[in-house]
Amino acid sequence: MRIVVSDSSCLIDLRKASLLDTFLKLPYEILIPNTLFEDELLKFTNAQKQDLIRGGMKVMDLPGERVLRAQQLMRSTPQISIHDGFALALAEAHEGCILLTGDGSLRTLAAASRIEVHGVLWVIDEIYANGLGTAATLHAALLLFEEETAVRLPARELTAYIKRYDRLR
């Protein structure tokens, strides 16, 4: 089973669209660094965090060398936060994994490190391809993403997804 290391941005967006439980049912092992889980999911209640763990998400402590790697990544690329560095350092520790992030600088850095990187729109496709959500449900989620100012997805790509899932309904 492939591993997906998630940063917080995609989880926050999936929560807004009520797709977190569905995301956790995908055939992946979902990992998140403990610091992101504790410090970045600020609007998640303790109950919601426990639901993530019950749903199969694994909260990972980073060993010292991974923490040092995260700090090195942050110093070499000031556009990323320490939490982004933790996510990338965890992804680097799992060969062949996927990094799930909406952060542009982190995506660029991960791609340069030859780590497969995707965002929330990939999750939408995975949910549909695995029969875990209907086109109508996913279309509604995409419309919510379009309306939600805190969700920052590429406008052109989001519009294309909305049209495609509208046709699939």
Protein backbone atom coordinates (compact mmCIF):
# COMPACT_ATOMS: atom_id res chain seq x y z
CA MET A 1 0.00 0.00 0.00
CA ARG A 2 1.38 3.41 -0.96
CA ILE A 3 1.95 6.05 1.65
CA VAL A 4 0.54 9.56 1.50
CA VAL A 5 2.17 12.17 3.75
CA SER A 6 -0.24 15.04 4.23
CA ASP A 7 0.35 18.60 5.21
CA SER A 8 -2.42 20.46 6.99
CA SER A 9 -3.80 22.57 4.12
CA CYS A 10 -5.41 19.70 2.24
CA LEU A 11 -6.89 18.23 5.41
CA ILE A 12 -8.42 21.60 6.27
CA ASP A 13 -9.94 21.91 2.79
CA LEU A 14 -11.27 18.33 2.83
CA ARG A 15 -12.84 18.98 6.24
CA LYS A 16 -14.65 22.03 4.86
CA ALA A 17 -16.17 19.83 2.16
CA SER A 18 -17.01 16.98 4.61
CA LEU A 19 -14.68 14.64 2.71
CA LEU A 20 -12.16 13.76 5.42
CA ASP A 21 -13.78 10.43 6.34
CA THR A 22 -13.95 9.50 2.67
CA PHE A 23 -10.32 10.50 2.13
CA LEU A 24 -9.25 8.14 4.91
CA LYS A 25 -11.03 5.25 3.15
CA LEU A 26 -8.79 5.54 0.09
CA PRO A 27 -6.36 2.63 -0.36
CA TYR A 28 -3.38 4.53 1.03
CA GLU A 29 -1.60 4.68 4.34
CA ILE A 30 -2.03 8.29 5.47
CA LEU A 31 0.72 9.84 7.60
CA ILE A 32 1.08 13.26 9.18
CA PRO A 33 3.94 14.62 11.26
CA ASN A 34 2.95 14.98 14.92
CA THR A 35 3.79 18.69 14.94
CA LEU A 36 1.37 19.41 12.10
CA PHE A 37 -1.31 17.33 13.77
CA GLU A 38 -0.91 19.21 17.05
CA ASP A 39 -0.07 22.73 15.86
CA GLU A 40 -1.62 23.23 12.43
CA LEU A 41 -5.08 21.67 12.72
CA LEU A 42 -6.21 24.48 15.01
CA LYS A 43 -9.87 24.49 14.03
CA PHE A 44 -10.18 20.74 14.45
CA THR A 45 -11.75 19.71 17.74
CA ASN A 46 -10.16 16.97 19.81
CA ALA A 47 -13.04 14.71 18.72
CA GLN A 48 -12.32 15.43 15.05
CA LYS A 49 -8.63 14.69 15.57
CA GLN A 50 -9.50 11.41 17.27
CA ASP A 51 -11.80 10.57 14.33
CA LEU A 52 -8.81 11.02 12.01
CA ILE A 53 -6.79 8.55 14.05
CA ARG A 54 -9.70 6.09 14.29
CA GLY A 55 -10.09 6.46 10.52
CA GLY A 56 -6.54 5.21 10.04
CA MET A 57 -4.38 8.33 9.91
CA LYS A 58 -1.04 7.76 11.57
CA VAL A 59 0.51 10.62 13.51
CA MET A 60 4.27 10.23 13.23
CA ASP A 61 6.98 11.45 15.58
CA LEU A 62 10.01 12.57 13.62
CA PRO A 63 13.36 11.22 14.77
CA GLY A 64 16.15 13.73 15.40
CA GLU A 65 17.72 13.43 11.95
CA ARG A 66 14.37 14.16 10.28
CA VAL A 67 13.88 17.24 12.49
CA LEU A 68 17.34 18.43 11.47
CA ARG A 69 16.45 17.78 7.83
CA ALA A 70 13.26 19.85 8.21
CA GLN A 71 15.26 22.72 9.66
CA GLN A 72 17.76 22.45 6.80
CA LEU A 73 14.91 22.53 4.25
CA MET A 74 13.42 25.61 5.88
CA ARG A 75 16.76 27.44 5.93
CA SER A 76 17.46 26.62 2.27
CA THR A 77 13.92 27.53 1.17
CA PRO A 78 12.64 30.38 3.38
CA GLN A 79 9.26 30.33 1.63
CA ILE A 80 8.32 27.13 3.46
CA SER A 81 7.39 26.91 7.13
CA ILE A 82 8.98 24.56 9.60
CA HIS A 83 5.79 22.48 9.44
CA ASP A 84 6.15 22.22 5.66
CA GLY A 85 9.72 21.11 6.27
CA PHE A 86 8.47 18.42 8.66
CA ALA A 87 6.02 17.12 6.04
CA LEU A 88 8.71 16.99 3.35
CA ALA A 89 11.25 15.41 5.72
CA LEU A 90 8.71 12.70 6.57
CA ALA A 91 7.96 12.15 2.88
CA GLU A 92 11.67 11.82 2.11
CA ALA A 93 11.90 9.07 4.73
CA HIS A 94 9.33 6.93 2.85
CA GLU A 95 10.56 6.03 -0.61
CA GLY A 96 7.87 6.15 -3.28
CA CYS A 97 5.38 8.03 -1.14
CA ILE A 98 3.07 10.84 -2.22
CA LEU A 99 3.18 14.27 -0.58
CA LEU A 100 -0.26 15.85 -0.32
CA THR A 101 -0.07 19.63 -0.12
CA GLY A 102 -1.64 22.78 -1.44
CA ASP A 103 1.42 24.92 -0.72
CA GLY A 104 3.10 26.01 -3.97
CA SER A 105 6.61 26.39 -2.58
CA LEU A 106 6.42 23.00 -0.89
CA ARG A 107 5.11 21.40 -4.10
CA THR A 108 8.02 22.85 -6.07
CA LEU A 109 10.56 21.68 -3.50
CA ALA A 110 9.05 18.20 -3.33
CA ALA A 111 9.00 17.86 -7.12
CA ALA A 112 12.65 18.95 -7.25
CA SER A 113 13.38 16.18 -4.72
CA ARG A 114 11.60 13.71 -7.03
CA ILE A 115 8.73 13.16 -4.61
CA GLU A 116 5.33 12.66 -6.20
CA VAL A 117 3.17 15.56 -5.07
CA HIS A 118 -0.56 16.15 -5.37
CA GLY A 119 -3.25 18.36 -3.92
CA VAL A 120 -6.89 18.26 -2.98
CA LEU A 121 -8.11 17.98 -6.58
CA TRP A 122 -6.18 14.73 -6.92
CA VAL A 123 -8.01 13.51 -3.81
CA ILE A 124 -11.32 14.32 -5.53
CA ASP A 125 -10.29 12.16 -8.49
CA GLU A 126 -9.11 9.35 -6.22
CA ILE A 127 -12.39 9.36 -4.30
CA TYR A 128 -14.32 9.11 -7.56
CA ALA A 129 -12.02 6.49 -9.13
CA ASN A 130 -12.30 4.31 -6.04
CA GLY A 131 -16.10 4.52 -5.97
CA LEU A 132 -16.18 6.29 -2.62
CA GLY A 133 -18.11 9.36 -3.75
CA THR A 134 -20.61 10.19 -6.43
CA ALA A 135 -19.96 12.76 -9.11
CA ALA A 136 -22.81 14.85 -7.65
CA THR A 137 -21.24 14.86 -4.17
CA LEU A 138 -17.83 15.73 -5.53
CA HIS A 139 -19.29 18.43 -7.79
CA ALA A 140 -20.93 19.99 -4.72
CA ALA A 141 -17.58 19.89 -2.90
CA LEU A 142 -15.87 21.60 -5.83
CA LEU A 143 -18.51 24.33 -5.86
CA LEU A 144 -17.90 24.82 -2.15
CA PHE A 145 -14.16 25.15 -2.83
CA GLU A 146 -14.95 27.78 -5.47
CA GLU A 147 -17.04 29.82 -3.03
CA GLU A 148 -14.75 29.45 0.01
CA THR A 149 -12.19 32.26 0.01
CA ALA A 150 -9.89 30.38 2.40
CA VAL A 151 -9.54 27.54 -0.12
CA ARG A 152 -6.82 28.53 -2.57
CA LEU A 153 -6.97 26.26 -5.59
CA PRO A 154 -5.82 27.27 -9.09
CA ALA A 155 -8.89 28.96 -10.61
CA ARG A 156 -8.49 27.52 -14.11
CA GLU A 157 -7.98 23.97 -12.84
CA LEU A 158 -10.86 24.25 -10.37
CA THR A 159 -13.19 25.50 -13.12
CA ALA A 160 -12.21 22.55 -15.32
CA TYR A 161 -12.91 20.13 -12.47
CA ILE A 162 -16.31 21.71 -11.79
CA LYS A 163 -17.26 21.32 -15.46
CA ARG A 164 -16.00 17.74 -15.64
CA TYR A 165 -17.83 16.60 -12.50
CA ASP A 166 -20.96 18.45 -13.62
CA ARG A 167 -20.91 16.37 -16.83
CA LEU A 168 -20.38 13.17 -14.82
CA ARG A 169 -23.43 13.77 -12.62
